[in-house]
C-alpha cells in the first residue's frame, strides 16, 4: 500500500460527516439534506476499532481503505470522530446533489 497524506480539507469535511451521522433520515452515504456522499461513515459502532473491523469485513470498504481495485490513485485522507459517528474520506469529496 502506498503512503497517504493527511488533508485538512478532508479532515474538516470528515468531521462534518461524523457530526451529521445518520440523523434526519440520512444514512452512511446520505447527508441530512439528501445529498449522496462518497465516504466511509459508521454510526452504529461504539468504538473506532469496531468501525474499522466492520469496514474491513466489507470488500468495497476494505478496497477503499487499502487502495485496491480502482482506489490506487488515492493520495490523501481525512478522518472525523463525532457524537453521531466516525467518518473517513479518501482523496476527494464526492457529493451528488439530491
PDB file of N, CA and C in Angstrom:
ATOM      1  N   UNK A   1       0.839  -1.169   0.000  1.00  0.00           N
ATOM      2  CA  UNK A   1       0.000   0.000   0.000  1.00  0.00           C
ATOM      3  C   UNK A   1       0.886   1.234   0.000  1.00  0.00           C
ATOM      4  N   UNK A   2       0.520   2.214  -0.798  1.00  0.00           N
ATOM      5  CA  UNK A   2       1.301   3.442  -0.845  1.00  0.00           C
ATOM      6  C   UNK A   2       0.906   4.385   0.300  1.00  0.00           C
ATOM      7  N   UNK A   3       1.768   5.311   0.595  1.00  0.00           N
ATOM      8  CA  UNK A   3       1.518   6.241   1.698  1.00  0.00           C
ATOM      9  C   UNK A   3       0.447   7.254   1.320  1.00  0.00           C
ATOM     10  N   UNK A   4      -0.364   7.627   2.291  1.00  0.00           N
ATOM     11  CA  UNK A   4      -1.368   8.675   2.137  1.00  0.00           C
ATOM     12  C   UNK A   4      -0.960   9.852   3.011  1.00  0.00           C
ATOM     13  N   UNK A   5      -1.358  11.053   2.595  1.00  0.00           N
ATOM     14  CA  UNK A   5      -1.094  12.227   3.404  1.00  0.00           C
ATOM     15  C   UNK A   5      -2.409  12.767   3.966  1.00  0.00           C
ATOM     16  N   UNK A   6      -2.322  13.383   5.112  1.00  0.00           N
ATOM     17  CA  UNK A   6      -3.491  13.983   5.739  1.00  0.00           C
ATOM     18  C   UNK A   6      -3.841  15.264   4.990  1.00  0.00           C
ATOM     19  N   UNK A   7      -5.112  15.427   4.682  1.00  0.00           N
ATOM     20  CA  UNK A   7      -5.617  16.624   4.020  1.00  0.00           C
ATOM     21  C   UNK A   7      -6.515  17.376   4.999  1.00  0.00           C
ATOM     22  N   UNK A   8      -6.199  18.635   5.271  1.00  0.00           N
ATOM     23  CA  UNK A   8      -7.037  19.406   6.190  1.00  0.00           C
ATOM     24  C   UNK A   8      -8.447  19.566   5.634  1.00  0.00           C
ATOM     25  N   UNK A   9      -8.569  19.745   4.329  1.00  0.00           N
ATOM     26  CA  UNK A   9      -9.896  19.858   3.703  1.00  0.00           C
ATOM     27  C   UNK A   9     -10.722  18.594   3.958  1.00  0.00           C
ATOM     28  N   UNK A  10     -10.104  17.429   3.784  1.00  0.00           N
ATOM     29  CA  UNK A  10     -10.814  16.171   4.007  1.00  0.00           C
ATOM     30  C   UNK A  10     -11.064  15.924   5.491  1.00  0.00           C
ATOM     31  N   UNK A  11     -10.132  16.351   6.343  1.00  0.00           N
ATOM     32  CA  UNK A  11     -10.359  16.230   7.792  1.00  0.00           C
ATOM     33  C   UNK A  11     -11.574  17.062   8.200  1.00  0.00           C
ATOM     34  N   UNK A  12     -11.658  18.288   7.680  1.00  0.00           N
ATOM     35  CA  UNK A  12     -12.777  19.168   8.025  1.00  0.00           C
ATOM     36  C   UNK A  12     -14.113  18.568   7.590  1.00  0.00           C
ATOM     37  N   UNK A  13     -14.162  18.063   6.356  1.00  0.00           N
ATOM     38  CA  UNK A  13     -15.424  17.505   5.870  1.00  0.00           C
ATOM     39  C   UNK A  13     -15.745  16.183   6.556  1.00  0.00           C
ATOM     40  N   UNK A  14     -14.735  15.370   6.845  1.00  0.00           N
ATOM     41  CA  UNK A  14     -14.969  14.118   7.573  1.00  0.00           C
ATOM     42  C   UNK A  14     -15.555  14.425   8.956  1.00  0.00           C
ATOM     43  N   UNK A  15     -15.101  15.518   9.572  1.00  0.00           N
ATOM     44  CA  UNK A  15     -15.653  15.888  10.874  1.00  0.00           C
ATOM     45  C   UNK A  15     -17.115  16.308  10.747  1.00  0.00           C
ATOM     46  N   UNK A  16     -17.442  17.047   9.697  1.00  0.00           N
ATOM     47  CA  UNK A  16     -18.840  17.408   9.451  1.00  0.00           C
ATOM     48  C   UNK A  16     -19.688  16.158   9.316  1.00  0.00           C
ATOM     49  N   UNK A  17     -19.202  15.196   8.523  1.00  0.00           N
ATOM     50  CA  UNK A  17     -19.957  13.954   8.312  1.00  0.00           C
ATOM     51  C   UNK A  17     -20.078  13.158   9.609  1.00  0.00           C
ATOM     52  N   UNK A  18     -19.026  13.126  10.419  1.00  0.00           N
ATOM     53  CA  UNK A  18     -19.098  12.402  11.692  1.00  0.00           C
ATOM     54  C   UNK A  18     -20.121  13.056  12.620  1.00  0.00           C
ATOM     55  N   UNK A  19     -20.199  14.366  12.578  1.00  0.00           N
ATOM     56  CA  UNK A  19     -21.180  15.069  13.408  1.00  0.00           C
ATOM     57  C   UNK A  19     -22.597  14.868  12.889  1.00  0.00           C
ATOM     58  N   UNK A  20     -22.755  14.767  11.562  1.00  0.00           N
ATOM     59  CA  UNK A  20     -24.084  14.546  10.980  1.00  0.00           C
ATOM     60  C   UNK A  20     -24.585  13.144  11.256  1.00  0.00           C
ATOM     61  N   UNK A  21     -23.688  12.158  11.159  1.00  0.00           N
ATOM     62  CA  UNK A  21     -24.085  10.770  11.353  1.00  0.00           C
ATOM     63  C   UNK A  21     -25.248  10.414  10.445  1.00  0.00           C
ATOM     64  N   UNK A  22     -26.153   9.624  10.936  1.00  0.00           N
ATOM     65  CA  UNK A  22     -27.303   9.203  10.145  1.00  0.00           C
ATOM     66  C   UNK A  22     -28.565   9.960  10.500  1.00  0.00           C
ATOM     67  N   UNK A  23     -28.435  11.155  11.060  1.00  0.00           N
ATOM     68  CA  UNK A  23     -29.612  11.889  11.521  1.00  0.00           C
ATOM     69  C   UNK A  23     -30.464  12.388  10.366  1.00  0.00           C
ATOM     70  N   UNK A  24     -31.660  12.754  10.673  1.00  0.00           N
ATOM     71  CA  UNK A  24     -32.624  13.328   9.723  1.00  0.00           C
ATOM     72  C   UNK A  24     -32.864  12.397   8.537  1.00  0.00           C
ATOM     73  N   UNK A  25     -32.845  11.098   8.798  1.00  0.00           N
ATOM     74  CA  UNK A  25     -33.129  10.142   7.738  1.00  0.00           C
ATOM     75  C   UNK A  25     -31.947   9.820   6.853  1.00  0.00           C
ATOM     76  N   UNK A  26     -30.829  10.508   7.066  1.00  0.00           N
ATOM     77  CA  UNK A  26     -29.641  10.227   6.263  1.00  0.00           C
ATOM     78  C   UNK A  26     -29.002   8.930   6.705  1.00  0.00           C
ATOM     79  N   UNK A  27     -28.321   8.281   5.802  1.00  0.00           N
ATOM     80  CA  UNK A  27     -27.621   7.047   6.124  1.00  0.00           C
ATOM     81  C   UNK A  27     -26.133   7.259   5.956  1.00  0.00           C
ATOM     82  N   UNK A  28     -25.365   6.196   5.901  1.00  0.00           N
ATOM     83  CA  UNK A  28     -23.916   6.319   5.803  1.00  0.00           C
ATOM     84  C   UNK A  28     -23.430   7.128   4.599  1.00  0.00           C
ATOM     85  N   UNK A  29     -24.186   7.121   3.518  1.00  0.00           N
ATOM     86  CA  UNK A  29     -23.757   7.849   2.324  1.00  0.00           C
ATOM     87  C   UNK A  29     -24.742   8.945   1.940  1.00  0.00           C
ATOM     88  N   UNK A  30     -25.579   9.361   2.873  1.00  0.00           N
ATOM     89  CA  UNK A  30     -26.571  10.400   2.586  1.00  0.00           C
ATOM     90  C   UNK A  30     -26.501  11.483   3.658  1.00  0.00           C
ATOM     91  N   UNK A  31     -26.399  12.730   3.217  1.00  0.00           N
ATOM     92  CA  UNK A  31     -26.404  13.859   4.150  1.00  0.00           C
ATOM     93  C   UNK A  31     -27.843  14.147   4.587  1.00  0.00           C
ATOM     94  N   UNK A  32     -28.026  14.865   5.669  1.00  0.00           N
ATOM     95  CA  UNK A  32     -29.380  15.183   6.123  1.00  0.00           C
ATOM     96  C   UNK A  32     -30.248  15.877   5.073  1.00  0.00           C
ATOM     97  N   UNK A  33     -29.620  16.613   4.125  1.00  0.00           N
ATOM     98  CA  UNK A  33     -30.401  17.285   3.073  1.00  0.00           C
ATOM     99  C   UNK A  33     -30.681  16.375   1.880  1.00  0.00           C
ATOM    100  N   UNK A  34     -30.238  15.122   1.933  1.00  0.00           N
ATOM    101  CA  UNK A  34     -30.496  14.167   0.857  1.00  0.00           C
ATOM    102  C   UNK A  34     -29.351  13.991  -0.128  1.00  0.00           C
ATOM    103  N   UNK A  35     -28.338  14.868  -0.086  1.00  0.00           N
ATOM    104  CA  UNK A  35     -27.182  14.705  -0.967  1.00  0.00           C
ATOM    105  C   UNK A  35     -26.480  13.386  -0.660  1.00  0.00           C
ATOM    106  N   UNK A  36     -25.994  12.708  -1.726  1.00  0.00           N
ATOM    107  CA  UNK A  36     -25.219  11.481  -1.554  1.00  0.00           C
ATOM    108  C   UNK A  36     -23.744  11.839  -1.455  1.00  0.00           C
ATOM    109  N   UNK A  37     -23.025  11.161  -0.552  1.00  0.00           N
ATOM    110  CA  UNK A  37     -21.619  11.462  -0.304  1.00  0.00           C
ATOM    111  C   UNK A  37     -20.802  10.185  -0.402  1.00  0.00           C
ATOM    112  N   UNK A  38     -19.634  10.285  -1.041  1.00  0.00           N
ATOM    113  CA  UNK A  38     -18.706   9.153  -1.116  1.00  0.00           C
ATOM    114  C   UNK A  38     -17.771   9.185   0.082  1.00  0.00           C
ATOM    115  N   UNK A  39     -18.158   8.531   1.159  1.00  0.00           N
ATOM    116  CA  UNK A  39     -17.308   8.458   2.349  1.00  0.00           C
ATOM    117  C   UNK A  39     -17.631   7.183   3.115  1.00  0.00           C
ATOM    118  N   UNK A  40     -16.758   6.849   4.019  1.00  0.00           N
ATOM    119  CA  UNK A  40     -16.997   5.731   4.922  1.00  0.00           C
ATOM    120  C   UNK A  40     -17.541   6.349   6.204  1.00  0.00           C
ATOM    121  N   UNK A  41     -18.756   5.999   6.585  1.00  0.00           N
ATOM    122  CA  UNK A  41     -19.355   6.565   7.796  1.00  0.00           C
ATOM    123  C   UNK A  41     -19.947   5.442   8.625  1.00  0.00           C
ATOM    124  N   UNK A  42     -19.486   5.321   9.847  1.00  0.00           N
ATOM    125  CA  UNK A  42     -20.022   4.308  10.761  1.00  0.00           C
ATOM    126  C   UNK A  42     -20.795   5.018  11.859  1.00  0.00           C
ATOM    127  N   UNK A  43     -22.056   4.646  12.037  1.00  0.00           N
ATOM    128  CA  UNK A  43     -22.872   5.295  13.058  1.00  0.00           C
ATOM    129  C   UNK A  43     -23.373   4.332  14.129  1.00  0.00           C
ATOM    130  N   UNK A  44     -23.206   3.054  13.917  1.00  0.00           N
ATOM    131  CA  UNK A  44     -23.776   2.102  14.871  1.00  0.00           C
ATOM    132  C   UNK A  44     -22.716   1.349  15.669  1.00  0.00           C
ATOM    133  N   UNK A  45     -21.471   1.797  15.593  1.00  0.00           N
ATOM    134  CA  UNK A  45     -20.408   1.124  16.323  1.00  0.00           C
ATOM    135  C   UNK A  45     -20.003   1.972  17.516  1.00  0.00           C
ATOM    136  N   UNK A  46     -19.578   1.328  18.568  1.00  0.00           N
ATOM    137  CA  UNK A  46     -19.236   2.024  19.801  1.00  0.00           C
ATOM    138  C   UNK A  46     -17.835   2.634  19.737  1.00  0.00           C
ATOM    139  N   UNK A  47     -16.894   1.909  19.136  1.00  0.00           N
ATOM    140  CA  UNK A  47     -15.508   2.384  19.105  1.00  0.00           C
ATOM    141  C   UNK A  47     -14.998   2.484  17.677  1.00  0.00           C
ATOM    142  N   UNK A  48     -13.916   3.226  17.497  1.00  0.00           N
ATOM    143  CA  UNK A  48     -13.272   3.325  16.191  1.00  0.00           C
ATOM    144  C   UNK A  48     -12.794   1.944  15.727  1.00  0.00           C
ATOM    145  N   UNK A  49     -12.325   1.127  16.648  1.00  0.00           N
ATOM    146  CA  UNK A  49     -11.868  -0.222  16.291  1.00  0.00           C
ATOM    147  C   UNK A  49     -13.020  -1.054  15.758  1.00  0.00           C
ATOM    148  N   UNK A  50     -14.204  -0.942  16.376  1.00  0.00           N
ATOM    149  CA  UNK A  50     -15.383  -1.662  15.882  1.00  0.00           C
ATOM    150  C   UNK A  50     -15.725  -1.223  14.461  1.00  0.00           C
ATOM    151  N   UNK A  51     -15.690   0.092  14.216  1.00  0.00           N
ATOM    152  CA  UNK A  51     -15.989   0.605  12.876  1.00  0.00           C
ATOM    153  C   UNK A  51     -14.964   0.095  11.879  1.00  0.00           C
ATOM    154  N   UNK A  52     -13.698   0.165  12.232  1.00  0.00           N
ATOM    155  CA  UNK A  52     -12.637  -0.320  11.350  1.00  0.00           C
ATOM    156  C   UNK A  52     -12.830  -1.799  11.023  1.00  0.00           C
ATOM    157  N   UNK A  53     -13.110  -2.606  12.032  1.00  0.00           N
ATOM    158  CA  UNK A  53     -13.314  -4.039  11.813  1.00  0.00           C
ATOM    159  C   UNK A  53     -14.491  -4.288  10.869  1.00  0.00           C
ATOM    160  N   UNK A  54     -15.571  -3.532  11.037  1.00  0.00           N
ATOM    161  CA  UNK A  54     -16.737  -3.689  10.152  1.00  0.00           C
ATOM    162  C   UNK A  54     -16.378  -3.303   8.725  1.00  0.00           C
ATOM    163  N   UNK A  55     -15.663  -2.193   8.552  1.00  0.00           N
ATOM    164  CA  UNK A  55     -15.257  -1.781   7.202  1.00  0.00           C
ATOM    165  C   UNK A  55     -14.353  -2.829   6.563  1.00  0.00           C
ATOM    166  N   UNK A  56     -13.470  -3.439   7.344  1.00  0.00           N
ATOM    167  CA  UNK A  56     -12.561  -4.444   6.790  1.00  0.00           C
ATOM    168  C   UNK A  56     -13.293  -5.726   6.401  1.00  0.00           C
ATOM    169  N   UNK A  57     -14.474  -5.966   6.939  1.00  0.00           N
ATOM    170  CA  UNK A  57     -15.270  -7.140   6.545  1.00  0.00           C
ATOM    171  C   UNK A  57     -16.060  -6.877   5.264  1.00  0.00           C
ATOM    172  N   UNK A  58     -16.113  -5.646   4.823  1.00  0.00           N
ATOM    173  CA  UNK A  58     -16.834  -5.282   3.604  1.00  0.00           C
ATOM    174  C   UNK A  58     -15.818  -5.094   2.477  1.00  0.00           C
ATOM    175  N   UNK A  59     -15.872  -5.930   1.423  1.00  0.00           N
ATOM    176  CA  UNK A  59     -14.884  -5.811   0.357  1.00  0.00           C
ATOM    177  C   UNK A  59     -14.766  -4.400  -0.240  1.00  0.00           C
ATOM    178  N   UNK A  60     -15.875  -3.728  -0.468  1.00  0.00           N
ATOM    179  CA  UNK A  60     -15.815  -2.384  -1.070  1.00  0.00           C
ATOM    180  C   UNK A  60     -15.127  -1.391  -0.137  1.00  0.00           C
ATOM    181  N   UNK A  61     -15.464  -1.438   1.149  1.00  0.00           N
ATOM    182  CA  UNK A  61     -14.844  -0.522   2.106  1.00  0.00           C
ATOM    183  C   UNK A  61     -13.375  -0.872   2.321  1.00  0.00           C
ATOM    184  N   UNK A  62     -13.060  -2.164   2.398  1.00  0.00           N
ATOM    185  CA  UNK A  62     -11.681  -2.582   2.565  1.00  0.00           C
ATOM    186  C   UNK A  62     -10.833  -2.118   1.378  1.00  0.00           C
ATOM    187  N   UNK A  63     -11.360  -2.283   0.161  1.00  0.00           N
ATOM    188  CA  UNK A  63     -10.614  -1.860  -1.017  1.00  0.00           C
ATOM    189  C   UNK A  63     -10.321  -0.367  -0.981  1.00  0.00           C
ATOM    190  N   UNK A  64     -11.299   0.430  -0.561  1.00  0.00           N
ATOM    191  CA  UNK A  64     -11.090   1.875  -0.473  1.00  0.00           C
ATOM    192  C   UNK A  64     -10.006   2.204   0.552  1.00  0.00           C
ATOM    193  N   UNK A  65     -10.053   1.548   1.695  1.00  0.00           N
ATOM    194  CA  UNK A  65      -9.094   1.849   2.756  1.00  0.00           C
ATOM    195  C   UNK A  65      -7.689   1.366   2.413  1.00  0.00           C
ATOM    196  N   UNK A  66      -7.585   0.278   1.664  1.00  0.00           N
ATOM    197  CA  UNK A  66      -6.270  -0.276   1.340  1.00  0.00           C
ATOM    198  C   UNK A  66      -5.759   0.160  -0.028  1.00  0.00           C
ATOM    199  N   UNK A  67      -6.528   0.959  -0.752  1.00  0.00           N
ATOM    200  CA  UNK A  67      -6.072   1.451  -2.046  1.00  0.00           C
ATOM    201  C   UNK A  67      -6.049   0.368  -3.111  1.00  0.00           C
ATOM    202  N   UNK A  68      -7.097  -0.446  -3.166  1.00  0.00           N
ATOM    203  CA  UNK A  68      -7.173  -1.548  -4.122  1.00  0.00           C
ATOM    204  C   UNK A  68      -8.340  -1.345  -5.089  1.00  0.00           C
ATOM    205  N   UNK A  69      -8.282  -2.037  -6.225  1.00  0.00           N
ATOM    206  CA  UNK A  69      -9.399  -2.099  -7.179  1.00  0.00           C
ATOM    207  C   UNK A  69      -9.960  -0.728  -7.546  1.00  0.00           C
ATOM    208  N   UNK A  70      -9.093   0.110  -8.103  1.00  0.00           N
ATOM    209  CA  UNK A  70      -9.523   1.420  -8.552  1.00  0.00           C
ATOM    210  C   UNK A  70      -9.277   2.533  -7.555  1.00  0.00           C
ATOM    211  N   UNK A  71      -8.925   2.184  -6.338  1.00  0.00           N
ATOM    212  CA  UNK A  71      -8.653   3.197  -5.317  1.00  0.00           C
ATOM    213  C   UNK A  71      -7.163   3.488  -5.211  1.00  0.00           C
ATOM    214  N   UNK A  72      -6.354   2.914  -6.114  1.00  0.00           N
ATOM    215  CA  UNK A  72      -4.898   3.062  -6.041  1.00  0.00           C
ATOM    216  C   UNK A  72      -4.443   4.509  -6.216  1.00  0.00           C
ATOM    217  N   UNK A  73      -5.273   5.330  -6.871  1.00  0.00           N
ATOM    218  CA  UNK A  73      -4.893   6.710  -7.137  1.00  0.00           C
ATOM    219  C   UNK A  73      -5.033   7.617  -5.915  1.00  0.00           C
ATOM    220  N   UNK A  74      -5.663   7.139  -4.863  1.00  0.00           N
ATOM    221  CA  UNK A  74      -5.843   7.966  -3.677  1.00  0.00           C
ATOM    222  C   UNK A  74      -4.499   8.360  -3.085  1.00  0.00           C
ATOM    223  N   UNK A  75      -4.372   9.623  -2.743  1.00  0.00           N
ATOM    224  CA  UNK A  75      -3.142  10.108  -2.142  1.00  0.00           C
ATOM    225  C   UNK A  75      -3.376  10.815  -0.812  1.00  0.00           C
ATOM    226  N   UNK A  76      -4.646  11.184  -0.506  1.00  0.00           N
ATOM    227  CA  UNK A  76      -4.952  11.955   0.697  1.00  0.00           C
ATOM    228  C   UNK A  76      -6.101  11.308   1.461  1.00  0.00           C
ATOM    229  N   UNK A  77      -6.223  11.658   2.725  1.00  0.00           N
ATOM    230  CA  UNK A  77      -7.355  11.160   3.504  1.00  0.00           C
ATOM    231  C   UNK A  77      -7.693  12.142   4.616  1.00  0.00           C
ATOM    232  N   UNK A  78      -8.883  11.962   5.177  1.00  0.00           N
ATOM    233  CA  UNK A  78      -9.315  12.725   6.338  1.00  0.00           C
ATOM    234  C   UNK A  78     -10.184  11.851   7.213  1.00  0.00           C
ATOM    235  N   UNK A  79     -10.139  12.078   8.501  1.00  0.00           N
ATOM    236  CA  UNK A  79     -10.902  11.301   9.469  1.00  0.00           C
ATOM    237  C   UNK A  79     -11.614  12.261  10.412  1.00  0.00           C
ATOM    238  N   UNK A  80     -12.854  11.931  10.752  1.00  0.00           N
ATOM    239  CA  UNK A  80     -13.602  12.701  11.741  1.00  0.00           C
ATOM    240  C   UNK A  80     -14.269  11.769  12.721  1.00  0.00           C
ATOM    241  N   UNK A  81     -14.291  12.162  13.977  1.00  0.00           N
ATOM    242  CA  UNK A  81     -14.959  11.382  15.016  1.00  0.00           C
ATOM    243  C   UNK A  81     -15.881  12.334  15.760  1.00  0.00           C
ATOM    244  N   UNK A  82     -17.155  11.994  15.804  1.00  0.00           N
ATOM    245  CA  UNK A  82     -18.124  12.849  16.471  1.00  0.00           C
ATOM    246  C   UNK A  82     -19.133  12.045  17.252  1.00  0.00           C
ATOM    247  N   UNK A  83     -20.058  12.724  17.901  1.00  0.00           N
ATOM    248  CA  UNK A  83     -21.051  12.027  18.712  1.00  0.00           C
ATOM    249  C   UNK A  83     -22.016  11.190  17.887  1.00  0.00           C
ATOM    250  N   UNK A  84     -22.089  11.433  16.594  1.00  0.00           N
ATOM    251  CA  UNK A  84     -23.017  10.691  15.736  1.00  0.00           C
ATOM    252  C   UNK A  84     -22.330   9.678  14.832  1.00  0.00           C
ATOM    253  N   UNK A  85     -21.004   9.601  14.867  1.00  0.00           N
ATOM    254  CA  UNK A  85     -20.351   8.614  14.027  1.00  0.00           C
ATOM    255  C   UNK A  85     -18.872   8.853  13.828  1.00  0.00           C
ATOM    256  N   UNK A  86     -18.289   7.978  13.036  1.00  0.00           N
ATOM    257  CA  UNK A  86     -16.883   8.026  12.654  1.00  0.00           C
ATOM    258  C   UNK A  86     -16.865   8.065  11.136  1.00  0.00           C
ATOM    259  N   UNK A  87     -16.115   8.997  10.555  1.00  0.00           N
ATOM    260  CA  UNK A  87     -16.100   9.155   9.107  1.00  0.00           C
ATOM    261  C   UNK A  87     -14.674   9.146   8.591  1.00  0.00           C
ATOM    262  N   UNK A  88     -14.474   8.506   7.429  1.00  0.00           N
ATOM    263  CA  UNK A  88     -13.200   8.571   6.721  1.00  0.00           C
ATOM    264  C   UNK A  88     -13.494   8.937   5.276  1.00  0.00           C
ATOM    265  N   UNK A  89     -12.689   9.840   4.739  1.00  0.00           N
ATOM    266  CA  UNK A  89     -12.831  10.247   3.350  1.00  0.00           C
ATOM    267  C   UNK A  89     -11.465  10.093   2.698  1.00  0.00           C
ATOM    268  N   UNK A  90     -11.462   9.492   1.504  1.00  0.00           N
ATOM    269  CA  UNK A  90     -10.222   9.268   0.779  1.00  0.00           C
ATOM    270  C   UNK A  90     -10.160  10.116  -0.479  1.00  0.00           C
ATOM    271  N   UNK A  91      -9.097  10.844  -0.649  1.00  0.00           N
ATOM    272  CA  UNK A  91      -8.665  11.555  -1.854  1.00  0.00           C
ATOM    273  C   UNK A  91      -9.491  12.794  -2.210  1.00  0.00           C
ATOM    274  N   UNK A  92     -10.819  12.725  -2.185  1.00  0.00           N
ATOM    275  CA  UNK A  92     -11.610  13.862  -2.637  1.00  0.00           C
ATOM    276  C   UNK A  92     -13.002  13.793  -2.015  1.00  0.00           C
ATOM    277  N   UNK A  93     -13.634  14.933  -1.982  1.00  0.00           N
ATOM    278  CA  UNK A  93     -15.027  14.989  -1.519  1.00  0.00           C
ATOM    279  C   UNK A  93     -15.918  14.786  -2.727  1.00  0.00           C
ATOM    280  N   UNK A  94     -16.746  13.768  -2.685  1.00  0.00           N
ATOM    281  CA  UNK A  94     -17.655  13.464  -3.788  1.00  0.00           C
ATOM    282  C   UNK A  94     -19.083  13.619  -3.274  1.00  0.00           C
ATOM    283  N   UNK A  95     -19.808  14.589  -3.840  1.00  0.00           N
ATOM    284  CA  UNK A  95     -21.186  14.832  -3.425  1.00  0.00           C
ATOM    285  C   UNK A  95     -22.077  14.824  -4.664  1.00  0.00           C
ATOM    286  N   UNK A  96     -23.138  14.035  -4.620  1.00  0.00           N
ATOM    287  CA  UNK A  96     -24.167  14.033  -5.667  1.00  0.00           C
ATOM    288  C   UNK A  96     -25.383  14.721  -5.088  1.00  0.00           C
ATOM    289  N   UNK A  97     -25.729  15.920  -5.600  1.00  0.00           N
ATOM    290  CA  UNK A  97     -26.896  16.640  -5.040  1.00  0.00           C
ATOM    291  C   UNK A  97     -28.170  15.830  -5.109  1.00  0.00           C
ATOM    292  N   UNK A  98     -29.033  16.050  -4.116  1.00  0.00           N
ATOM    293  CA  UNK A  98     -30.309  15.339  -4.037  1.00  0.00           C
ATOM    294  C   UNK A  98     -31.214  15.773  -5.182  1.00  0.00           C
TER     295      UNK A  98
END
